[in-house]
Amino acid sequence: MADEAYSDFKSLVNMTSKELEEWLQTDESQSVGIKKGTSSDKKTDADGTESIGHESGRKILDILSKKEGDLNDDDLGHIKKVNAYIKRHKAQRPAKEDIENSRWRYSLMNWGHDPSKE
């Protein structure tokens, strides 16, 4: 199961470490996602904490820096979470044609997947 999850992760996360690291530093990256402790209808909280997706992006960078044999149980748990998120979110592709500057794309990119690369 771990090998399959890791294989899925490597195919779903289609951004390089450098691309993801640079993306996470942008205003667009930080403008999307649900903040911890808030509901889905309230995208930001009063103290401006990091979104769940942005935090995930930082964890993905850590995982990408490791060899498969060096991954621990926490890493594997996050890999499974990333795989599920990307698969679920890709299925929610907006009907409009221009996804380039969409919140949908920005959110996926926080999770290491750029749909414009497909």
C-alpha atoms as a PDB file:
ATOM      1  CA  MET A   1       0.000   0.000   0.000  1.00  0.00           C
ATOM      2  CA  ALA A   2       2.814   2.409   0.835  1.00  0.00           C
ATOM      3  CA  ASP A   3       4.485   1.801  -2.537  1.00  0.00           C
ATOM      4  CA  GLU A   4       1.220   2.429  -4.370  1.00  0.00           C
ATOM      5  CA  ALA A   5       0.518   5.612  -2.396  1.00  0.00           C
ATOM      6  CA  TYR A   6       4.036   6.896  -3.053  1.00  0.00           C
ATOM      7  CA  SER A   7       3.747   6.074  -6.767  1.00  0.00           C
ATOM      8  CA  ASP A   8       0.413   7.940  -6.967  1.00  0.00           C
ATOM      9  CA  PHE A   9       1.950  10.871  -5.086  1.00  0.00           C
ATOM     10  CA  LYS A  10       4.869  11.086  -7.524  1.00  0.00           C
ATOM     11  CA  SER A  11       2.472  11.212 -10.490  1.00  0.00           C
ATOM     12  CA  LEU A  12      -0.116  13.563  -8.932  1.00  0.00           C
ATOM     13  CA  VAL A  13       2.394  16.074  -7.567  1.00  0.00           C
ATOM     14  CA  ASN A  14       3.531  17.447 -10.908  1.00  0.00           C
ATOM     15  CA  MET A  15       5.336  20.557  -9.656  1.00  0.00           C
ATOM     16  CA  THR A  16       9.050  20.451  -8.936  1.00  0.00           C
ATOM     17  CA  SER A  17      10.307  21.381  -5.491  1.00  0.00           C
ATOM     18  CA  LYS A  18      11.575  24.676  -6.887  1.00  0.00           C
ATOM     19  CA  GLU A  19       8.256  25.475  -8.584  1.00  0.00           C
ATOM     20  CA  LEU A  20       6.294  24.656  -5.439  1.00  0.00           C
ATOM     21  CA  GLU A  21       8.640  26.599  -3.184  1.00  0.00           C
ATOM     22  CA  GLU A  22       8.407  29.687  -5.411  1.00  0.00           C
ATOM     23  CA  TRP A  23       4.615  29.313  -5.714  1.00  0.00           C
ATOM     24  CA  LEU A  24       4.125  29.151  -1.936  1.00  0.00           C
ATOM     25  CA  GLN A  25       5.788  32.555  -1.620  1.00  0.00           C
ATOM     26  CA  THR A  26       3.246  34.295  -3.864  1.00  0.00           C
ATOM     27  CA  ASP A  27       0.242  36.330  -2.768  1.00  0.00           C
ATOM     28  CA  GLU A  28      -1.949  34.110  -4.953  1.00  0.00           C
ATOM     29  CA  SER A  29      -0.875  31.021  -3.044  1.00  0.00           C
ATOM     30  CA  GLN A  30      -1.655  32.627   0.275  1.00  0.00           C
ATOM     31  CA  SER A  31      -4.999  34.008  -0.943  1.00  0.00           C
ATOM     32  CA  VAL A  32      -6.769  30.646  -1.277  1.00  0.00           C
ATOM     33  CA  GLY A  33      -7.811  27.862   1.003  1.00  0.00           C
ATOM     34  CA  ILE A  34      -9.551  27.295   4.277  1.00  0.00           C
ATOM     35  CA  LYS A  35      -7.793  28.413   7.416  1.00  0.00           C
ATOM     36  CA  LYS A  36      -7.474  26.057  10.362  1.00  0.00           C
ATOM     37  CA  GLY A  37     -10.337  26.301  12.784  1.00  0.00           C
ATOM     38  CA  THR A  38     -12.725  27.927  10.313  1.00  0.00           C
ATOM     39  CA  SER A  39     -15.636  26.521   8.408  1.00  0.00           C
ATOM     40  CA  SER A  40     -15.724  26.121   4.641  1.00  0.00           C
ATOM     41  CA  ASP A  41     -17.892  29.219   4.291  1.00  0.00           C
ATOM     42  CA  LYS A  42     -15.344  31.396   6.121  1.00  0.00           C
ATOM     43  CA  LYS A  43     -12.109  31.365   4.154  1.00  0.00           C
ATOM     44  CA  THR A  44     -10.004  33.469   6.507  1.00  0.00           C
ATOM     45  CA  ASP A  45      -9.815  33.924  10.232  1.00  0.00           C
ATOM     46  CA  ALA A  46      -9.098  36.963  12.348  1.00  0.00           C
ATOM     47  CA  ASP A  47      -5.445  36.231  13.050  1.00  0.00           C
ATOM     48  CA  GLY A  48      -4.607  35.400   9.421  1.00  0.00           C
ATOM     49  CA  THR A  49      -3.186  31.952  10.069  1.00  0.00           C
ATOM     50  CA  GLU A  50      -1.894  29.821   7.234  1.00  0.00           C
ATOM     51  CA  SER A  51      -4.397  27.856   5.149  1.00  0.00           C
ATOM     52  CA  ILE A  52      -4.485  24.087   5.334  1.00  0.00           C
ATOM     53  CA  GLY A  53      -3.382  23.807   1.693  1.00  0.00           C
ATOM     54  CA  HIS A  54      -0.470  26.197   2.143  1.00  0.00           C
ATOM     55  CA  GLU A  55       0.733  24.222   5.155  1.00  0.00           C
ATOM     56  CA  SER A  56       0.345  21.054   3.095  1.00  0.00           C
ATOM     57  CA  GLY A  57       2.575  22.560   0.412  1.00  0.00           C
ATOM     58  CA  ARG A  58       5.336  23.034   2.959  1.00  0.00           C
ATOM     59  CA  LYS A  59       4.964  19.403   4.083  1.00  0.00           C
ATOM     60  CA  ILE A  60       5.086  18.270   0.446  1.00  0.00           C
ATOM     61  CA  LEU A  61       8.380  20.112   0.007  1.00  0.00           C
ATOM     62  CA  ASP A  62       9.761  18.206   2.990  1.00  0.00           C
ATOM     63  CA  ILE A  63       8.566  14.877   1.548  1.00  0.00           C
ATOM     64  CA  LEU A  64      10.037  15.671  -1.881  1.00  0.00           C
ATOM     65  CA  SER A  65      13.414  16.301  -0.251  1.00  0.00           C
ATOM     66  CA  LYS A  66      13.519  12.728   1.113  1.00  0.00           C
ATOM     67  CA  LYS A  67      14.255   9.393  -0.484  1.00  0.00           C
ATOM     68  CA  GLU A  68      11.337   6.956  -0.477  1.00  0.00           C
ATOM     69  CA  GLY A  69      13.107   4.740   2.068  1.00  0.00           C
ATOM     70  CA  ASP A  70      13.483   7.670   4.477  1.00  0.00           C
ATOM     71  CA  LEU A  71       9.760   8.437   4.677  1.00  0.00           C
ATOM     72  CA  ASN A  72       8.119   7.923   8.058  1.00  0.00           C
ATOM     73  CA  ASP A  73       4.519   7.128   9.020  1.00  0.00           C
ATOM     74  CA  ASP A  74       3.622  10.837   9.235  1.00  0.00           C
ATOM     75  CA  ASP A  75       4.968  11.371   5.722  1.00  0.00           C
ATOM     76  CA  LEU A  76       2.970   8.424   4.412  1.00  0.00           C
ATOM     77  CA  GLY A  77      -0.169   9.738   6.095  1.00  0.00           C
ATOM     78  CA  HIS A  78       0.325  13.106   4.431  1.00  0.00           C
ATOM     79  CA  ILE A  79       1.030  11.483   1.067  1.00  0.00           C
ATOM     80  CA  LYS A  80      -2.343   9.716   1.274  1.00  0.00           C
ATOM     81  CA  LYS A  81      -4.044  12.995   2.226  1.00  0.00           C
ATOM     82  CA  VAL A  82      -2.409  14.789  -0.726  1.00  0.00           C
ATOM     83  CA  ASN A  83      -3.428  12.047  -3.154  1.00  0.00           C
ATOM     84  CA  ALA A  84      -7.049  12.141  -1.989  1.00  0.00           C
ATOM     85  CA  TYR A  85      -7.213  15.941  -2.102  1.00  0.00           C
ATOM     86  CA  ILE A  86      -5.769  16.221  -5.603  1.00  0.00           C
ATOM     87  CA  LYS A  87      -8.036  13.489  -7.014  1.00  0.00           C
ATOM     88  CA  ARG A  88     -11.136  14.981  -5.389  1.00  0.00           C
ATOM     89  CA  HIS A  89     -10.321  18.570  -6.310  1.00  0.00           C
ATOM     90  CA  LYS A  90      -9.414  17.754  -9.938  1.00  0.00           C
ATOM     91  CA  ALA A  91     -12.897  16.273 -10.341  1.00  0.00           C
ATOM     92  CA  GLN A  92     -14.357  19.673  -9.387  1.00  0.00           C
ATOM     93  CA  ARG A  93     -12.805  21.461 -12.376  1.00  0.00           C
ATOM     94  CA  PRO A  94     -14.782  24.624 -13.135  1.00  0.00           C
ATOM     95  CA  ALA A  95     -16.900  24.656 -16.274  1.00  0.00           C
ATOM     96  CA  LYS A  96     -15.361  27.891 -17.509  1.00  0.00           C
ATOM     97  CA  GLU A  97     -12.513  27.506 -19.960  1.00  0.00           C
ATOM     98  CA  ASP A  98      -9.920  29.836 -18.405  1.00  0.00           C
ATOM     99  CA  ILE A  99      -8.490  28.127 -15.355  1.00  0.00           C
ATOM    100  CA  GLU A 100      -5.141  29.942 -15.495  1.00  0.00           C
ATOM    101  CA  ASN A 101      -6.004  32.493 -12.795  1.00  0.00           C
ATOM    102  CA  SER A 102      -8.717  30.535 -10.996  1.00  0.00           C
ATOM    103  CA  ARG A 103      -8.894  29.925  -7.271  1.00  0.00           C
ATOM    104  CA  TRP A 104      -9.398  26.248  -8.180  1.00  0.00           C
ATOM    105  CA  ARG A 105      -5.984  26.075  -9.868  1.00  0.00           C
ATOM    106  CA  TYR A 106      -4.302  28.079  -7.110  1.00  0.00           C
ATOM    107  CA  SER A 107      -5.660  25.709  -4.486  1.00  0.00           C
ATOM    108  CA  LEU A 108      -4.421  22.651  -6.360  1.00  0.00           C
ATOM    109  CA  MET A 109      -1.020  24.260  -6.775  1.00  0.00           C
ATOM    110  CA  ASN A 110      -0.744  24.653  -2.994  1.00  0.00           C
ATOM    111  CA  TRP A 111      -1.023  20.849  -2.917  1.00  0.00           C
ATOM    112  CA  GLY A 112       1.730  20.451  -5.545  1.00  0.00           C
ATOM    113  CA  HIS A 113      -0.451  19.906  -8.616  1.00  0.00           C
ATOM    114  CA  ASP A 114      -0.627  22.394 -11.487  1.00  0.00           C
ATOM    115  CA  PRO A 115      -3.574  21.427 -13.745  1.00  0.00           C
ATOM    116  CA  SER A 116      -2.236  23.608 -16.542  1.00  0.00           C
ATOM    117  CA  LYS A 117       0.569  21.043 -16.982  1.00  0.00           C
ATOM    118  CA  GLU A 118      -1.862  18.287 -17.981  1.00  0.00           C
END
